[in-house]
């Protein structure tokens, strides 16, 4: 059974159900109680009631959910949700939706249903939207509905496809990804507490500056695909608008010098971060062998997680002050890790080090000996390689 029916006998839920079907609350409790314990593997002895429960389940799932997922599906399901949108949308607090690029009748109808639901939401706080990187359509009605969400504070943009390469920088302003991210920042930057931007569509420099200078309430920020065209703007040591509130920063596949990232963290450009995760980022081209975080102005981070870095990037990022260090490295880089942790300047305030389970016994023992030389005694082999 859906999780949305896990508390079906609560007064608030049964009241909503009664308002929808105009049935007494006592009857609702009885019916939903049977529905809650209904199992497809063990059908109820009364066939008519079993069939009734199936229909009630289909009806209740969108009505009582505080979360809903809109994706290409059976048209009858979408038609039902479209019809009931004025009744159930006001209860929604979170939504996941898929926007495909085909533009066929089914996709257009699904987007129409999504827009209708958004137009009837009252307290929607979180949206996770999955898109196709090649989509260049306007989606104007959808964007207009999103702009009117007065409580939106958590927005995620995820890719539906997996292109091998980033889209060319000079084409990104024509993509839906670009329009969507700018629209979110234009209408909700002063309210957003969580922003996730994932995919291989680069973020334009103008959009990055808008994010840096206007998103003042962010607590969590995850961004990917900052290209070399954005490197100069990122290198500017100007304090970000969210500094003082931002607690978690995640960078993925960003062509930004690792020394710049480490310096920004140490100088408080992002404020006193608590957690930092970097994967597949860092860029050596044009690196003038700058020093990393030689000056540290904030408390040590609770933890830093470093994934897939080379020797130069490791030497830069290791200047970050953090209590716990999580490292995922290729087998060929494990000697680098062993050597680095022999000196106290590698993550100088670390009291714990966590590496992948896949480390063999010989290398892991050598790593522990290296860490012991600088007084770091808690070394664990407990990270999932994936």
Protein backbone atom coordinates (compact mmCIF):
# COMPACT_ATOMS: atom_id res chain seq x y z
CA UNK A 1 0.00 0.00 0.00
CA UNK A 2 1.18 3.56 -0.63
CA UNK A 3 2.78 5.36 2.28
CA UNK A 4 0.16 8.07 1.86
CA UNK A 5 -2.35 5.71 3.53
CA UNK A 6 -0.11 4.83 6.48
CA UNK A 7 -2.00 7.14 8.79
CA UNK A 8 -5.43 6.84 7.27
CA UNK A 9 -7.31 6.76 10.57
CA UNK A 10 -6.05 10.13 11.78
CA UNK A 11 -8.82 12.72 12.23
CA UNK A 12 -7.34 15.11 9.68
CA UNK A 13 -7.08 12.42 7.00
CA UNK A 14 -10.56 11.02 7.52
CA UNK A 15 -11.99 14.54 7.51
CA UNK A 16 -10.42 15.25 4.13
CA UNK A 17 -11.68 11.93 2.82
CA UNK A 18 -15.24 12.70 4.00
CA UNK A 19 -15.16 16.11 2.38
CA UNK A 20 -14.24 14.48 -0.91
CA UNK A 21 -16.78 11.64 -0.95
CA UNK A 22 -19.43 13.11 1.37
CA UNK A 23 -19.47 10.00 3.54
CA UNK A 24 -19.62 9.98 7.36
CA UNK A 25 -16.27 9.82 9.12
CA UNK A 26 -17.21 6.58 10.89
CA UNK A 27 -17.74 4.83 7.56
CA UNK A 28 -14.47 6.25 6.27
CA UNK A 29 -12.52 4.82 9.21
CA UNK A 30 -14.05 1.40 8.62
CA UNK A 31 -13.43 1.34 4.87
CA UNK A 32 -9.93 2.80 4.98
CA UNK A 33 -9.00 0.48 7.84
CA UNK A 34 -9.84 -2.46 5.59
CA UNK A 35 -8.01 -0.80 2.72
CA UNK A 36 -4.91 -0.25 4.84
CA UNK A 37 -4.60 -3.98 5.55
CA UNK A 38 -5.52 -5.08 2.04
CA UNK A 39 -2.81 -7.11 0.28
CA UNK A 40 -2.77 -7.94 -3.39
CA UNK A 41 -1.16 -11.27 -2.56
CA UNK A 42 -3.99 -12.18 -0.14
CA UNK A 43 -7.27 -10.86 -1.57
CA UNK A 44 -10.11 -10.02 0.76
CA UNK A 45 -12.80 -12.66 1.08
CA UNK A 46 -15.46 -10.25 -0.14
CA UNK A 47 -14.84 -9.67 -3.84
CA UNK A 48 -17.01 -6.56 -4.06
CA UNK A 49 -15.23 -4.92 -1.14
CA UNK A 50 -11.87 -5.88 -2.60
CA UNK A 51 -12.73 -4.20 -5.89
CA UNK A 52 -14.07 -1.18 -4.02
CA UNK A 53 -10.81 -0.91 -2.13
CA UNK A 54 -8.84 -0.95 -5.37
CA UNK A 55 -10.85 2.00 -6.64
CA UNK A 56 -10.53 3.80 -3.32
CA UNK A 57 -6.77 3.29 -3.39
CA UNK A 58 -6.54 4.85 -6.85
CA UNK A 59 -8.64 7.75 -5.64
CA UNK A 60 -6.99 8.27 -2.27
CA UNK A 61 -3.40 8.10 -3.46
CA UNK A 62 -3.41 11.52 -5.15
CA UNK A 63 -5.90 13.07 -2.75
CA UNK A 64 -4.17 12.64 0.58
CA UNK A 65 -0.56 12.68 -0.48
CA UNK A 66 1.67 15.51 0.63
CA UNK A 67 3.95 14.26 -2.14
CA UNK A 68 3.02 13.41 -5.73
CA UNK A 69 4.97 12.23 -8.79
CA UNK A 70 3.83 13.31 -12.24
CA UNK A 71 5.37 11.37 -15.11
CA UNK A 72 4.30 9.82 -18.42
CA UNK A 73 1.68 7.21 -17.46
CA UNK A 74 -1.72 5.85 -18.35
CA UNK A 75 -3.91 8.69 -19.63
CA UNK A 76 -6.79 7.69 -17.36
CA UNK A 77 -4.57 8.22 -14.31
CA UNK A 78 -3.56 11.66 -15.54
CA UNK A 79 -7.19 12.52 -16.35
CA UNK A 80 -8.21 11.54 -12.81
CA UNK A 81 -5.50 13.71 -11.29
CA UNK A 82 -6.42 16.57 -13.59
CA UNK A 83 -10.07 16.31 -12.55
CA UNK A 84 -9.29 16.09 -8.83
CA UNK A 85 -6.56 18.75 -8.81
CA UNK A 86 -8.76 21.45 -7.22
CA UNK A 87 -9.46 19.08 -4.30
CA UNK A 88 -6.09 17.50 -3.52
CA UNK A 89 -3.46 19.96 -4.77
CA UNK A 90 -3.93 22.24 -1.78
CA UNK A 91 -2.52 19.51 0.48
CA UNK A 92 0.68 19.02 -1.53
CA UNK A 93 4.02 19.99 -0.03
CA UNK A 94 6.38 18.18 -2.43
CA UNK A 95 6.27 17.14 -6.07
CA UNK A 96 8.43 15.24 -8.55
CA UNK A 97 7.77 15.68 -12.27
CA UNK A 98 9.26 14.59 -15.57
CA UNK A 99 9.42 16.87 -18.59
CA UNK A 100 10.29 15.01 -21.79
CA UNK A 101 11.36 16.68 -25.02
CA UNK A 102 9.21 14.71 -27.47
CA UNK A 103 6.35 17.19 -27.52
CA UNK A 104 3.77 14.57 -28.53
CA UNK A 105 0.13 14.62 -27.51
CA UNK A 106 0.73 12.46 -24.43
CA UNK A 107 3.62 14.61 -23.22
CA UNK A 108 1.70 17.84 -23.80
CA UNK A 109 -1.29 16.49 -21.88
CA UNK A 110 0.95 15.44 -19.00
CA UNK A 111 2.46 18.93 -18.87
CA UNK A 112 -1.04 20.41 -18.92
CA UNK A 113 -2.01 18.24 -15.94
CA UNK A 114 1.16 19.27 -14.11
CA UNK A 115 0.41 22.94 -14.75
CA UNK A 116 -3.16 22.51 -13.49
CA UNK A 117 -1.93 20.90 -10.29
CA UNK A 118 0.64 23.64 -9.71
CA UNK A 119 -2.02 26.31 -10.21
CA UNK A 120 -4.08 24.79 -7.39
CA UNK A 121 -1.28 24.24 -4.88
CA UNK A 122 -1.26 26.39 -1.76
CA UNK A 123 1.64 25.19 0.39
CA UNK A 124 3.97 23.48 -2.12
CA UNK A 125 7.52 23.77 -0.79
CA UNK A 126 9.58 21.32 -2.80
CA UNK A 127 9.83 20.46 -6.51
CA UNK A 128 12.15 17.95 -8.14
CA UNK A 129 11.99 18.35 -11.92
CA UNK A 130 13.65 15.98 -14.36
CA UNK A 131 14.36 17.28 -17.83
CA UNK A 132 15.98 16.25 -21.11
CA UNK A 133 19.19 18.08 -21.94
CA UNK A 134 18.18 18.58 -25.59
CA UNK A 135 14.88 20.28 -24.71
CA UNK A 136 14.69 23.80 -26.15
CA UNK A 137 10.92 24.37 -25.81
CA UNK A 138 9.61 27.37 -23.89
CA UNK A 139 7.20 25.63 -21.46
CA UNK A 140 5.79 29.09 -20.76
CA UNK A 141 2.61 27.95 -18.97
CA UNK A 142 4.60 25.67 -16.69
CA UNK A 143 7.10 28.41 -15.85
CA UNK A 144 4.27 30.85 -15.21
CA UNK A 145 2.68 28.42 -12.72
CA UNK A 146 6.02 27.91 -10.95
CA UNK A 147 6.52 31.67 -10.60
CA UNK A 148 3.31 31.90 -8.50
CA UNK A 149 4.37 29.38 -5.82
CA UNK A 150 4.63 31.54 -2.74
CA UNK A 151 6.12 28.90 -0.41
CA UNK A 152 8.65 27.23 -2.72
CA UNK A 153 11.97 26.80 -0.88
CA UNK A 154 13.49 23.58 -2.25
CA UNK A 155 14.07 23.09 -5.99
CA UNK A 156 16.02 20.36 -7.80
CA UNK A 157 16.79 20.11 -11.51
CA UNK A 158 17.85 16.64 -12.64
CA UNK A 159 18.64 15.23 -16.06
CA UNK A 160 16.56 12.43 -17.59
CA UNK A 161 19.22 11.51 -20.16
CA UNK A 162 22.96 10.89 -19.87
CA UNK A 163 24.81 12.70 -22.67
CA UNK A 164 28.47 11.81 -23.01
CA UNK A 165 29.59 15.43 -23.21
CA UNK A 166 28.52 18.84 -21.94
CA UNK A 167 26.40 20.90 -24.30
CA UNK A 168 28.43 23.61 -26.12
CA UNK A 169 28.59 26.73 -24.00
CA UNK A 170 27.30 29.00 -26.78
CA UNK A 171 24.06 26.96 -27.05
CA UNK A 172 22.98 26.78 -23.42
CA UNK A 173 20.91 29.97 -23.42
CA UNK A 174 18.48 28.29 -25.82
CA UNK A 175 17.85 25.32 -23.51
CA UNK A 176 14.94 24.77 -21.15
CA UNK A 177 17.50 24.05 -18.41
CA UNK A 178 18.82 27.62 -18.72
CA UNK A 179 15.38 29.21 -18.81
CA UNK A 180 14.15 27.14 -15.87
CA UNK A 181 17.11 27.91 -13.60
CA UNK A 182 16.93 31.61 -14.38
CA UNK A 183 13.19 31.61 -13.81
CA UNK A 184 13.64 30.01 -10.39
CA UNK A 185 16.27 32.57 -9.44
CA UNK A 186 14.22 35.49 -10.77
CA UNK A 187 11.12 34.58 -8.76
CA UNK A 188 12.33 32.57 -5.76
CA UNK A 189 15.98 33.44 -5.02
CA UNK A 190 15.05 35.22 -1.77
CA UNK A 191 13.13 32.18 -0.52
CA UNK A 192 15.16 29.17 -1.67
CA UNK A 193 16.83 27.16 1.07
CA UNK A 194 17.83 24.19 -1.08
CA UNK A 195 18.93 24.27 -4.72
CA UNK A 196 20.18 21.27 -6.68
CA UNK A 197 21.33 21.71 -10.29
CA UNK A 198 22.46 18.43 -11.83
CA UNK A 199 23.27 17.54 -15.42
CA UNK A 200 25.67 18.20 -18.26
CA UNK A 201 24.12 21.45 -19.41
CA UNK A 202 26.60 24.13 -18.31
CA UNK A 203 25.51 27.03 -16.15
CA UNK A 204 25.96 30.32 -18.00
CA UNK A 205 28.18 32.92 -16.37
CA UNK A 206 25.29 35.39 -16.06
CA UNK A 207 23.20 32.73 -14.31
CA UNK A 208 26.06 31.88 -11.95
CA UNK A 209 26.41 35.54 -10.96
CA UNK A 210 22.66 35.74 -10.34
CA UNK A 211 22.92 32.67 -8.10
CA UNK A 212 25.93 34.04 -6.23
CA UNK A 213 24.46 37.51 -5.67
CA UNK A 214 20.74 36.91 -5.05
CA UNK A 215 20.13 33.47 -3.45
CA UNK A 216 20.59 34.76 0.08
CA UNK A 217 18.68 32.09 2.05
CA UNK A 218 20.41 28.95 0.77
CA UNK A 219 21.31 26.27 3.32
CA UNK A 220 22.20 23.55 0.80
CA UNK A 221 23.62 24.08 -2.68
CA UNK A 222 24.55 21.40 -5.22
CA UNK A 223 25.77 22.47 -8.64
CA UNK A 224 27.40 20.71 -11.57
CA UNK A 225 28.93 21.57 -14.93
CA UNK A 226 30.54 24.90 -14.23
CA UNK A 227 32.82 25.23 -17.27
CA UNK A 228 36.01 27.19 -17.87
CA UNK A 229 33.85 30.06 -19.16
CA UNK A 230 32.60 30.53 -15.60
CA UNK A 231 36.00 30.12 -13.96
CA UNK A 232 36.80 33.83 -13.83
CA UNK A 233 33.51 34.73 -12.16
CA UNK A 234 33.89 31.91 -9.64
CA UNK A 235 37.44 33.03 -8.80
CA UNK A 236 36.18 36.44 -7.65
CA UNK A 237 36.57 36.39 -3.84
CA UNK A 238 33.35 38.36 -3.37
CA UNK A 239 31.34 36.96 -0.48
CA UNK A 240 28.26 35.05 -1.66
CA UNK A 241 24.79 36.29 -0.73
CA UNK A 242 24.11 33.04 1.16
CA UNK A 243 27.28 33.29 3.25
CA UNK A 244 26.34 32.88 6.90
CA UNK A 245 23.45 30.56 6.05
CA UNK A 246 24.95 28.03 3.64
CA UNK A 247 25.83 24.80 5.46
CA UNK A 248 26.40 22.27 2.67
CA UNK A 249 28.10 22.74 -0.70
CA UNK A 250 28.36 20.03 -3.37
CA UNK A 251 30.37 20.51 -6.58
CA UNK A 252 30.32 17.96 -9.39
CA UNK A 253 32.17 18.02 -12.72
CA UNK A 254 33.10 21.68 -12.33
CA UNK A 255 36.12 23.04 -14.23
CA UNK A 256 37.19 25.29 -11.37
CA UNK A 257 40.74 25.35 -10.00
CA UNK A 258 40.91 23.35 -6.78
CA UNK A 259 43.11 26.02 -5.21
CA UNK A 260 40.37 28.59 -5.79
CA UNK A 261 37.78 26.35 -4.14
CA UNK A 262 39.97 25.72 -1.08
CA UNK A 263 40.84 29.42 -0.72
CA UNK A 264 37.21 30.45 -0.94
CA UNK A 265 36.22 27.99 1.77
CA UNK A 266 39.03 29.10 4.07
CA UNK A 267 38.37 32.80 3.51
CA UNK A 268 34.66 32.43 4.29
CA UNK A 269 33.47 33.35 0.79
CA UNK A 270 30.64 30.82 1.31
CA UNK A 271 30.38 31.61 5.01
CA UNK A 272 31.22 29.07 7.73
CA UNK A 273 30.46 25.88 5.79
CA UNK A 274 29.81 22.72 7.77
CA UNK A 275 29.97 20.12 5.01
CA UNK A 276 31.67 20.06 1.59
CA UNK A 277 31.49 17.35 -1.09
CA UNK A 278 33.44 17.48 -4.34
CA UNK A 279 33.42 14.85 -7.08
CA UNK A 280 35.06 14.80 -10.49
CA UNK A 281 35.84 18.51 -10.27
CA UNK A 282 38.98 20.57 -10.41
CA UNK A 283 40.75 21.76 -13.53
CA UNK A 284 44.49 22.02 -14.06
CA UNK A 285 44.61 23.98 -17.32
CA UNK A 286 45.77 27.52 -16.68
CA UNK A 287 46.65 26.71 -13.08
CA UNK A 288 49.56 28.98 -12.11
CA UNK A 289 50.46 26.78 -9.14
CA UNK A 290 48.62 29.11 -6.81
CA UNK A 291 48.67 28.48 -3.10
CA UNK A 292 45.52 27.01 -1.66
CA UNK A 293 43.97 27.89 1.71
CA UNK A 294 46.98 29.42 3.48
CA UNK A 295 44.68 31.59 5.61
CA UNK A 296 41.80 29.95 7.48
CA UNK A 297 39.12 32.24 8.92
CA UNK A 298 36.21 29.91 9.77
CA UNK A 299 35.76 26.97 12.17
CA UNK A 300 36.79 23.59 10.77
CA UNK A 301 34.13 21.86 8.70
CA UNK A 302 32.27 18.91 10.21
CA UNK A 303 33.37 16.87 7.21
CA UNK A 304 34.76 17.04 3.71
CA UNK A 305 34.24 14.36 1.06
CA UNK A 306 36.73 14.21 -1.83
CA UNK A 307 36.06 11.94 -4.79
CA UNK A 308 38.09 11.29 -7.97
CA UNK A 309 40.91 13.82 -7.71
CA UNK A 310 44.42 13.78 -9.12
CA UNK A 311 47.67 14.57 -7.32
CA UNK A 312 47.61 18.33 -7.96
CA UNK A 313 43.97 18.66 -6.93
CA UNK A 314 44.67 16.60 -3.82
CA UNK A 315 47.51 18.93 -2.82
CA UNK A 316 45.14 21.92 -3.09
CA UNK A 317 42.04 20.47 -1.43
CA UNK A 318 44.04 18.94 1.43
CA UNK A 319 44.53 22.45 2.84
CA UNK A 320 40.86 22.43 3.92
CA UNK A 321 40.32 22.25 7.67
CA UNK A 322 37.77 19.55 8.53
CA UNK A 323 37.21 17.20 11.45
CA UNK A 324 36.26 14.20 9.32
CA UNK A 325 37.65 13.36 5.88
CA UNK A 326 36.01 10.95 3.44
CA UNK A 327 38.08 9.95 0.42
CA UNK A 328 37.25 7.88 -2.63
CA UNK A 329 40.19 7.40 -4.95
CA UNK A 330 41.16 5.14 -7.80
CA UNK A 331 43.43 2.22 -6.97
CA UNK A 332 46.28 3.97 -8.77
CA UNK A 333 45.89 6.97 -6.43
CA UNK A 334 46.07 5.12 -3.14
CA UNK A 335 49.83 5.56 -2.83
CA UNK A 336 49.22 9.29 -3.22
CA UNK A 337 46.78 9.17 -0.31
CA UNK A 338 49.22 7.20 1.85
CA UNK A 339 52.03 9.66 1.21
CA UNK A 340 49.84 12.73 1.71
CA UNK A 341 48.58 11.72 5.15
CA UNK A 342 52.10 11.34 6.53
CA UNK A 343 52.27 15.11 6.99
CA UNK A 344 50.13 17.15 9.35
CA UNK A 345 49.39 19.82 6.73
CA UNK A 346 47.11 17.38 4.89
CA UNK A 347 43.64 18.23 6.20
CA UNK A 348 45.35 19.72 9.27
CA UNK A 349 42.46 19.41 11.75
CA UNK A 350 41.29 15.94 10.77
CA UNK A 351 40.51 13.53 13.60
CA UNK A 352 38.93 10.84 11.41
CA UNK A 353 39.69 9.44 7.96
CA UNK A 354 37.30 7.19 6.04
CA UNK A 355 38.23 5.36 2.84
CA UNK A 356 36.57 2.75 0.63
CA UNK A 357 35.93 -0.80 1.70
CA UNK A 358 37.82 -1.95 -1.40
CA UNK A 359 41.24 -0.99 0.00
CA UNK A 360 43.31 -4.16 0.36
CA UNK A 361 44.80 -5.03 3.73
CA UNK A 362 48.38 -4.14 2.84
CA UNK A 363 47.60 -0.64 1.57
CA UNK A 364 45.16 0.03 4.39
CA UNK A 365 47.67 -0.91 7.07
CA UNK A 366 50.23 1.35 5.41
CA UNK A 367 47.68 4.17 5.39
CA UNK A 368 47.00 3.71 9.11
CA UNK A 369 50.74 3.84 9.84
CA UNK A 370 51.03 7.06 7.84
CA UNK A 371 48.16 8.63 9.74
CA UNK A 372 49.58 7.51 13.09
CA UNK A 373 52.76 9.46 12.33
CA UNK A 374 50.76 12.68 12.56
CA UNK A 375 48.51 11.57 15.45
CA UNK A 376 45.46 10.62 13.40
CA UNK A 377 44.42 7.31 14.89
CA UNK A 378 40.83 6.81 13.74
CA UNK A 379 41.07 5.43 10.21
CA UNK A 380 38.12 3.45 8.88
CA UNK A 381 37.64 1.34 5.77
CA UNK A 382 33.88 1.75 5.48
CA UNK A 383 32.89 3.73 2.38
CA UNK A 384 30.70 2.15 -0.25
CA UNK A 385 32.63 2.36 -3.56
CA UNK A 386 29.47 3.48 -5.34
